[in-house]
């Protein structure tokens, strides 16, 4: 029984590793790369815009906390 258990455990480990490897490769292929001519899908553009809005919101909240009058300084052109 010792040899059968050893072989079973080796097969299980190899199958697990192969499964993880296949999933990682498939996930890598799903990531869409930007087209060389600059064309994007509308869903990609929408996602990019939402991401930028979130980032801008975070940056503005940081600036509001650190430099309370940054908006007035920016509007008047003086720094």
PDB file of N, CA and C in Angstrom:
ATOM      1  N   UNK A   1       0.817  -1.197   0.000  1.00  0.00           N
ATOM      2  CA  UNK A   1       0.000   0.000   0.000  1.00  0.00           C
ATOM      3  C   UNK A   1       0.857   1.255   0.000  1.00  0.00           C
ATOM      4  N   UNK A   2       2.046   1.219   0.463  1.00  0.00           N
ATOM      5  CA  UNK A   2       2.902   2.391   0.513  1.00  0.00           C
ATOM      6  C   UNK A   2       3.214   2.926  -0.869  1.00  0.00           C
ATOM      7  N   UNK A   3       3.474   2.048  -1.836  1.00  0.00           N
ATOM      8  CA  UNK A   3       3.808   2.469  -3.187  1.00  0.00           C
ATOM      9  C   UNK A   3       2.587   3.076  -3.872  1.00  0.00           C
ATOM     10  N   UNK A   4       1.413   2.476  -3.676  1.00  0.00           N
ATOM     11  CA  UNK A   4       0.190   2.986  -4.279  1.00  0.00           C
ATOM     12  C   UNK A   4      -0.144   4.384  -3.743  1.00  0.00           C
ATOM     13  N   UNK A   5       0.018   4.589  -2.462  1.00  0.00           N
ATOM     14  CA  UNK A   5      -0.230   5.907  -1.874  1.00  0.00           C
ATOM     15  C   UNK A   5       0.765   6.945  -2.398  1.00  0.00           C
ATOM     16  N   UNK A   6       2.019   6.529  -2.564  1.00  0.00           N
ATOM     17  CA  UNK A   6       3.042   7.428  -3.083  1.00  0.00           C
ATOM     18  C   UNK A   6       2.717   7.840  -4.513  1.00  0.00           C
ATOM     19  N   UNK A   7       2.363   6.891  -5.347  1.00  0.00           N
ATOM     20  CA  UNK A   7       2.036   7.177  -6.741  1.00  0.00           C
ATOM     21  C   UNK A   7       0.793   8.063  -6.824  1.00  0.00           C
ATOM     22  N   UNK A   8      -0.199   7.781  -6.000  1.00  0.00           N
ATOM     23  CA  UNK A   8      -1.424   8.579  -5.982  1.00  0.00           C
ATOM     24  C   UNK A   8      -1.125  10.023  -5.585  1.00  0.00           C
ATOM     25  N   UNK A   9      -0.278  10.202  -4.582  1.00  0.00           N
ATOM     26  CA  UNK A   9       0.041  11.563  -4.152  1.00  0.00           C
ATOM     27  C   UNK A   9       0.848  12.303  -5.213  1.00  0.00           C
ATOM     28  N   UNK A  10       1.760  11.634  -5.894  1.00  0.00           N
ATOM     29  CA  UNK A  10       2.542  12.269  -6.966  1.00  0.00           C
ATOM     30  C   UNK A  10       1.622  12.687  -8.114  1.00  0.00           C
ATOM     31  N   UNK A  11       0.720  11.796  -8.505  1.00  0.00           N
ATOM     32  CA  UNK A  11      -0.214  12.110  -9.591  1.00  0.00           C
ATOM     33  C   UNK A  11      -1.102  13.290  -9.199  1.00  0.00           C
ATOM     34  N   UNK A  12      -1.577  13.331  -7.976  1.00  0.00           N
ATOM     35  CA  UNK A  12      -2.427  14.428  -7.519  1.00  0.00           C
ATOM     36  C   UNK A  12      -1.662  15.751  -7.539  1.00  0.00           C
ATOM     37  N   UNK A  13      -0.424  15.757  -7.112  1.00  0.00           N
ATOM     38  CA  UNK A  13       0.373  16.984  -7.116  1.00  0.00           C
ATOM     39  C   UNK A  13       0.640  17.464  -8.539  1.00  0.00           C
ATOM     40  N   UNK A  14       0.958  16.534  -9.430  1.00  0.00           N
ATOM     41  CA  UNK A  14       1.234  16.915 -10.813  1.00  0.00           C
ATOM     42  C   UNK A  14      -0.028  17.462 -11.467  1.00  0.00           C
ATOM     43  N   UNK A  15      -1.157  16.822 -11.267  1.00  0.00           N
ATOM     44  CA  UNK A  15      -2.402  17.311 -11.840  1.00  0.00           C
ATOM     45  C   UNK A  15      -2.778  18.681 -11.277  1.00  0.00           C
ATOM     46  N   UNK A  16      -2.556  18.886  -9.999  1.00  0.00           N
ATOM     47  CA  UNK A  16      -2.823  20.195  -9.401  1.00  0.00           C
ATOM     48  C   UNK A  16      -1.943  21.275  -9.994  1.00  0.00           C
ATOM     49  N   UNK A  17      -0.658  20.968 -10.154  1.00  0.00           N
ATOM     50  CA  UNK A  17       0.275  21.943 -10.725  1.00  0.00           C
ATOM     51  C   UNK A  17      -0.080  22.258 -12.169  1.00  0.00           C
ATOM     52  N   UNK A  18      -0.430  21.243 -12.938  1.00  0.00           N
ATOM     53  CA  UNK A  18      -0.795  21.449 -14.343  1.00  0.00           C
ATOM     54  C   UNK A  18      -2.076  22.274 -14.438  1.00  0.00           C
ATOM     55  N   UNK A  19      -3.032  22.005 -13.567  1.00  0.00           N
ATOM     56  CA  UNK A  19      -4.281  22.768 -13.578  1.00  0.00           C
ATOM     57  C   UNK A  19      -4.019  24.238 -13.284  1.00  0.00           C
ATOM     58  N   UNK A  20      -3.225  24.522 -12.281  1.00  0.00           N
ATOM     59  CA  UNK A  20      -2.898  25.913 -11.940  1.00  0.00           C
ATOM     60  C   UNK A  20      -2.158  26.584 -13.086  1.00  0.00           C
ATOM     61  N   UNK A  21      -1.226  25.857 -13.696  1.00  0.00           N
ATOM     62  CA  UNK A  21      -0.451  26.385 -14.815  1.00  0.00           C
ATOM     63  C   UNK A  21      -1.366  26.750 -15.983  1.00  0.00           C
ATOM     64  N   UNK A  22      -2.321  25.876 -16.304  1.00  0.00           N
ATOM     65  CA  UNK A  22      -3.256  26.136 -17.400  1.00  0.00           C
ATOM     66  C   UNK A  22      -4.122  27.353 -17.081  1.00  0.00           C
ATOM     67  N   UNK A  23      -4.601  27.464 -15.850  1.00  0.00           N
ATOM     68  CA  UNK A  23      -5.435  28.611 -15.476  1.00  0.00           C
ATOM     69  C   UNK A  23      -4.668  29.917 -15.572  1.00  0.00           C
ATOM     70  N   UNK A  24      -3.418  29.907 -15.171  1.00  0.00           N
ATOM     71  CA  UNK A  24      -2.599  31.118 -15.258  1.00  0.00           C
ATOM     72  C   UNK A  24      -2.380  31.509 -16.710  1.00  0.00           C
ATOM     73  N   UNK A  25      -2.121  30.538 -17.576  1.00  0.00           N
ATOM     74  CA  UNK A  25      -1.919  30.841 -18.988  1.00  0.00           C
ATOM     75  C   UNK A  25      -3.186  31.380 -19.633  1.00  0.00           C
ATOM     76  N   UNK A  26      -4.330  30.816 -19.295  1.00  0.00           N
ATOM     77  CA  UNK A  26      -5.590  31.289 -19.865  1.00  0.00           C
ATOM     78  C   UNK A  26      -5.907  32.698 -19.401  1.00  0.00           C
ATOM     79  N   UNK A  27      -5.619  32.992 -18.134  1.00  0.00           N
ATOM     80  CA  UNK A  27      -5.882  34.333 -17.611  1.00  0.00           C
ATOM     81  C   UNK A  27      -5.002  35.358 -18.325  1.00  0.00           C
ATOM     82  N   UNK A  28      -3.769  35.000 -18.595  1.00  0.00           N
ATOM     83  CA  UNK A  28      -2.857  35.895 -19.303  1.00  0.00           C
ATOM     84  C   UNK A  28      -3.322  36.191 -20.714  1.00  0.00           C
ATOM     85  N   UNK A  29      -3.950  35.243 -21.352  1.00  0.00           N
ATOM     86  CA  UNK A  29      -4.434  35.449 -22.719  1.00  0.00           C
ATOM     87  C   UNK A  29      -5.679  36.310 -22.754  1.00  0.00           C
ATOM     88  N   UNK A  30      -6.457  36.311 -21.675  1.00  0.00           N
ATOM     89  CA  UNK A  30      -7.691  37.082 -21.636  1.00  0.00           C
ATOM     90  C   UNK A  30      -7.433  38.578 -21.573  1.00  0.00           C
ATOM     91  N   UNK A  31      -6.291  38.979 -21.051  1.00  0.00           N
ATOM     92  CA  UNK A  31      -5.976  40.404 -20.941  1.00  0.00           C
ATOM     93  C   UNK A  31      -5.801  40.961 -22.348  1.00  0.00           C
ATOM     94  N   UNK A  32      -6.648  41.904 -22.698  1.00  0.00           N
ATOM     95  CA  UNK A  32      -6.590  42.472 -24.032  1.00  0.00           C
ATOM     96  C   UNK A  32      -5.538  43.565 -24.075  1.00  0.00           C
ATOM     97  N   UNK A  33      -4.708  43.487 -25.056  1.00  0.00           N
ATOM     98  CA  UNK A  33      -3.662  44.482 -25.231  1.00  0.00           C
ATOM     99  C   UNK A  33      -4.215  45.631 -26.072  1.00  0.00           C
ATOM    100  N   UNK A  34      -3.635  46.795 -25.904  1.00  0.00           N
ATOM    101  CA  UNK A  34      -4.036  47.946 -26.706  1.00  0.00           C
ATOM    102  C   UNK A  34      -3.644  47.683 -28.156  1.00  0.00           C
ATOM    103  N   UNK A  35      -4.485  48.079 -29.056  1.00  0.00           N
ATOM    104  CA  UNK A  35      -4.215  47.896 -30.471  1.00  0.00           C
ATOM    105  C   UNK A  35      -3.084  48.838 -30.888  1.00  0.00           C
ATOM    106  N   UNK A  36      -2.210  48.398 -31.774  1.00  0.00           N
ATOM    107  CA  UNK A  36      -1.105  49.267 -32.185  1.00  0.00           C
ATOM    108  C   UNK A  36      -1.574  50.542 -32.870  1.00  0.00           C
ATOM    109  N   UNK A  37      -2.747  50.521 -33.491  1.00  0.00           N
ATOM    110  CA  UNK A  37      -3.229  51.715 -34.162  1.00  0.00           C
ATOM    111  C   UNK A  37      -4.036  52.615 -33.234  1.00  0.00           C
ATOM    112  N   UNK A  38      -4.151  52.263 -31.945  1.00  0.00           N
ATOM    113  CA  UNK A  38      -4.791  53.110 -30.960  1.00  0.00           C
ATOM    114  C   UNK A  38      -6.290  52.913 -30.827  1.00  0.00           C
ATOM    115  N   UNK A  39      -6.858  51.906 -31.453  1.00  0.00           N
ATOM    116  CA  UNK A  39      -8.293  51.669 -31.345  1.00  0.00           C
ATOM    117  C   UNK A  39      -8.609  50.897 -30.069  1.00  0.00           C
ATOM    118  N   UNK A  40      -9.635  51.336 -29.372  1.00  0.00           N
ATOM    119  CA  UNK A  40     -10.064  50.696 -28.145  1.00  0.00           C
ATOM    120  C   UNK A  40     -11.531  50.325 -28.262  1.00  0.00           C
ATOM    121  N   UNK A  41     -11.918  49.328 -27.523  1.00  0.00           N
ATOM    122  CA  UNK A  41     -13.318  48.951 -27.426  1.00  0.00           C
ATOM    123  C   UNK A  41     -14.006  49.942 -26.497  1.00  0.00           C
ATOM    124  N   UNK A  42     -15.300  50.184 -26.702  1.00  0.00           N
ATOM    125  CA  UNK A  42     -16.027  51.144 -25.863  1.00  0.00           C
ATOM    126  C   UNK A  42     -16.047  50.707 -24.399  1.00  0.00           C
ATOM    127  N   UNK A  43     -16.113  49.413 -24.147  1.00  0.00           N
ATOM    128  CA  UNK A  43     -16.102  48.951 -22.759  1.00  0.00           C
ATOM    129  C   UNK A  43     -14.748  49.225 -22.114  1.00  0.00           C
ATOM    130  N   UNK A  44     -13.672  49.111 -22.897  1.00  0.00           N
ATOM    131  CA  UNK A  44     -12.345  49.427 -22.372  1.00  0.00           C
ATOM    132  C   UNK A  44     -12.251  50.914 -22.029  1.00  0.00           C
ATOM    133  N   UNK A  45     -12.758  51.746 -22.933  1.00  0.00           N
ATOM    134  CA  UNK A  45     -12.713  53.191 -22.687  1.00  0.00           C
ATOM    135  C   UNK A  45     -13.545  53.568 -21.481  1.00  0.00           C
ATOM    136  N   UNK A  46     -14.691  52.932 -21.326  1.00  0.00           N
ATOM    137  CA  UNK A  46     -15.545  53.207 -20.176  1.00  0.00           C
ATOM    138  C   UNK A  46     -14.844  52.819 -18.878  1.00  0.00           C
ATOM    139  N   UNK A  47     -14.205  51.661 -18.871  1.00  0.00           N
ATOM    140  CA  UNK A  47     -13.465  51.226 -17.689  1.00  0.00           C
ATOM    141  C   UNK A  47     -12.306  52.145 -17.365  1.00  0.00           C
ATOM    142  N   UNK A  48     -11.614  52.609 -18.416  1.00  0.00           N
ATOM    143  CA  UNK A  48     -10.505  53.537 -18.201  1.00  0.00           C
ATOM    144  C   UNK A  48     -11.002  54.861 -17.621  1.00  0.00           C
ATOM    145  N   UNK A  49     -12.139  55.331 -18.115  1.00  0.00           N
ATOM    146  CA  UNK A  49     -12.694  56.595 -17.620  1.00  0.00           C
ATOM    147  C   UNK A  49     -13.117  56.471 -16.160  1.00  0.00           C
ATOM    148  N   UNK A  50     -13.747  55.369 -15.813  1.00  0.00           N
ATOM    149  CA  UNK A  50     -14.153  55.164 -14.415  1.00  0.00           C
ATOM    150  C   UNK A  50     -12.938  55.095 -13.499  1.00  0.00           C
ATOM    151  N   UNK A  51     -11.898  54.417 -13.951  1.00  0.00           N
ATOM    152  CA  UNK A  51     -10.674  54.322 -13.160  1.00  0.00           C
ATOM    153  C   UNK A  51     -10.053  55.706 -12.956  1.00  0.00           C
ATOM    154  N   UNK A  52     -10.024  56.508 -14.015  1.00  0.00           N
ATOM    155  CA  UNK A  52      -9.462  57.850 -13.907  1.00  0.00           C
ATOM    156  C   UNK A  52     -10.297  58.724 -12.973  1.00  0.00           C
ATOM    157  N   UNK A  53     -11.623  58.597 -13.031  1.00  0.00           N
ATOM    158  CA  UNK A  53     -12.484  59.375 -12.138  1.00  0.00           C
ATOM    159  C   UNK A  53     -12.209  59.017 -10.681  1.00  0.00           C
ATOM    160  N   UNK A  54     -12.022  57.734 -10.394  1.00  0.00           N
ATOM    161  CA  UNK A  54     -11.714  57.315  -9.026  1.00  0.00           C
ATOM    162  C   UNK A  54     -10.373  57.886  -8.578  1.00  0.00           C
ATOM    163  N   UNK A  55      -9.383  57.823  -9.448  1.00  0.00           N
ATOM    164  CA  UNK A  55      -8.055  58.341  -9.103  1.00  0.00           C
ATOM    165  C   UNK A  55      -8.090  59.845  -8.867  1.00  0.00           C
ATOM    166  N   UNK A  56      -8.798  60.562  -9.727  1.00  0.00           N
ATOM    167  CA  UNK A  56      -8.906  62.015  -9.567  1.00  0.00           C
ATOM    168  C   UNK A  56      -9.610  62.355  -8.257  1.00  0.00           C
ATOM    169  N   UNK A  57     -10.648  61.595  -7.929  1.00  0.00           N
ATOM    170  CA  UNK A  57     -11.353  61.821  -6.663  1.00  0.00           C
ATOM    171  C   UNK A  57     -10.454  61.627  -5.462  1.00  0.00           C
ATOM    172  N   UNK A  58      -9.631  60.584  -5.511  1.00  0.00           N
ATOM    173  CA  UNK A  58      -8.701  60.335  -4.407  1.00  0.00           C
ATOM    174  C   UNK A  58      -7.674  61.454  -4.313  1.00  0.00           C
ATOM    175  N   UNK A  59      -7.131  61.850  -5.458  1.00  0.00           N
ATOM    176  CA  UNK A  59      -6.139  62.933  -5.450  1.00  0.00           C
ATOM    177  C   UNK A  59      -6.731  64.240  -4.942  1.00  0.00           C
ATOM    178  N   UNK A  60      -7.949  64.548  -5.346  1.00  0.00           N
ATOM    179  CA  UNK A  60      -8.584  65.774  -4.870  1.00  0.00           C
ATOM    180  C   UNK A  60      -8.850  65.721  -3.371  1.00  0.00           C
ATOM    181  N   UNK A  61      -9.231  64.565  -2.854  1.00  0.00           N
ATOM    182  CA  UNK A  61      -9.460  64.465  -1.409  1.00  0.00           C
ATOM    183  C   UNK A  61      -8.146  64.611  -0.631  1.00  0.00           C
ATOM    184  N   UNK A  62      -7.070  64.092  -1.187  1.00  0.00           N
ATOM    185  CA  UNK A  62      -5.760  64.260  -0.542  1.00  0.00           C
ATOM    186  C   UNK A  62      -5.361  65.732  -0.556  1.00  0.00           C
ATOM    187  N   UNK A  63      -5.539  66.380  -1.696  1.00  0.00           N
ATOM    188  CA  UNK A  63      -5.203  67.805  -1.783  1.00  0.00           C
ATOM    189  C   UNK A  63      -6.077  68.638  -0.852  1.00  0.00           C
ATOM    190  N   UNK A  64      -7.362  68.310  -0.762  1.00  0.00           N
ATOM    191  CA  UNK A  64      -8.249  69.041   0.152  1.00  0.00           C
ATOM    192  C   UNK A  64      -7.772  68.929   1.594  1.00  0.00           C
ATOM    193  N   UNK A  65      -7.257  67.765   1.966  1.00  0.00           N
ATOM    194  CA  UNK A  65      -6.783  67.567   3.338  1.00  0.00           C
ATOM    195  C   UNK A  65      -5.434  68.235   3.577  1.00  0.00           C
ATOM    196  N   UNK A  66      -4.563  68.195   2.584  1.00  0.00           N
ATOM    197  CA  UNK A  66      -3.203  68.711   2.755  1.00  0.00           C
ATOM    198  C   UNK A  66      -3.107  70.212   2.469  1.00  0.00           C
ATOM    199  N   UNK A  67      -3.766  70.670   1.414  1.00  0.00           N
ATOM    200  CA  UNK A  67      -3.700  72.072   0.997  1.00  0.00           C
ATOM    201  C   UNK A  67      -5.131  72.558   0.795  1.00  0.00           C
ATOM    202  N   UNK A  68      -5.743  73.076   1.861  1.00  0.00           N
ATOM    203  CA  UNK A  68      -7.169  73.419   1.782  1.00  0.00           C
ATOM    204  C   UNK A  68      -7.533  74.431   0.688  1.00  0.00           C
ATOM    205  N   UNK A  69      -6.645  75.341   0.358  1.00  0.00           N
ATOM    206  CA  UNK A  69      -6.992  76.357  -0.633  1.00  0.00           C
ATOM    207  C   UNK A  69      -6.356  76.106  -1.998  1.00  0.00           C
ATOM    208  N   UNK A  70      -6.096  74.857  -2.330  1.00  0.00           N
ATOM    209  CA  UNK A  70      -5.459  74.543  -3.602  1.00  0.00           C
ATOM    210  C   UNK A  70      -6.351  74.884  -4.792  1.00  0.00           C
ATOM    211  N   UNK A  71      -7.661  74.775  -4.617  1.00  0.00           N
ATOM    212  CA  UNK A  71      -8.564  75.073  -5.730  1.00  0.00           C
ATOM    213  C   UNK A  71      -8.512  76.565  -6.085  1.00  0.00           C
ATOM    214  N   UNK A  72      -8.501  77.431  -5.076  1.00  0.00           N
ATOM    215  CA  UNK A  72      -8.433  78.868  -5.325  1.00  0.00           C
ATOM    216  C   UNK A  72      -7.089  79.243  -5.945  1.00  0.00           C
ATOM    217  N   UNK A  73      -6.015  78.611  -5.479  1.00  0.00           N
ATOM    218  CA  UNK A  73      -4.698  78.888  -6.038  1.00  0.00           C
ATOM    219  C   UNK A  73      -4.635  78.474  -7.499  1.00  0.00           C
ATOM    220  N   UNK A  74      -5.240  77.355  -7.816  1.00  0.00           N
ATOM    221  CA  UNK A  74      -5.212  76.851  -9.190  1.00  0.00           C
ATOM    222  C   UNK A  74      -6.065  77.708 -10.107  1.00  0.00           C
ATOM    223  N   UNK A  75      -7.206  78.184  -9.643  1.00  0.00           N
ATOM    224  CA  UNK A  75      -8.090  78.994 -10.477  1.00  0.00           C
ATOM    225  C   UNK A  75      -7.503  80.377 -10.769  1.00  0.00           C
ATOM    226  N   UNK A  76      -6.801  80.927  -9.774  1.00  0.00           N
ATOM    227  CA  UNK A  76      -6.233  82.275  -9.981  1.00  0.00           C
ATOM    228  C   UNK A  76      -4.927  82.247 -10.752  1.00  0.00           C
ATOM    229  N   UNK A  77      -4.316  81.068 -10.869  1.00  0.00           N
ATOM    230  CA  UNK A  77      -3.073  80.957 -11.621  1.00  0.00           C
ATOM    231  C   UNK A  77      -1.835  81.223 -10.796  1.00  0.00           C
ATOM    232  N   UNK A  78      -1.968  81.486  -9.486  1.00  0.00           N
ATOM    233  CA  UNK A  78      -0.802  81.726  -8.639  1.00  0.00           C
ATOM    234  C   UNK A  78      -0.500  80.482  -7.841  1.00  0.00           C
ATOM    235  N   UNK A  79       0.767  80.272  -7.654  1.00  0.00           N
ATOM    236  CA  UNK A  79       1.175  79.105  -6.866  1.00  0.00           C
ATOM    237  C   UNK A  79       2.176  79.486  -5.827  1.00  0.00           C
TER     238      UNK A  79
END
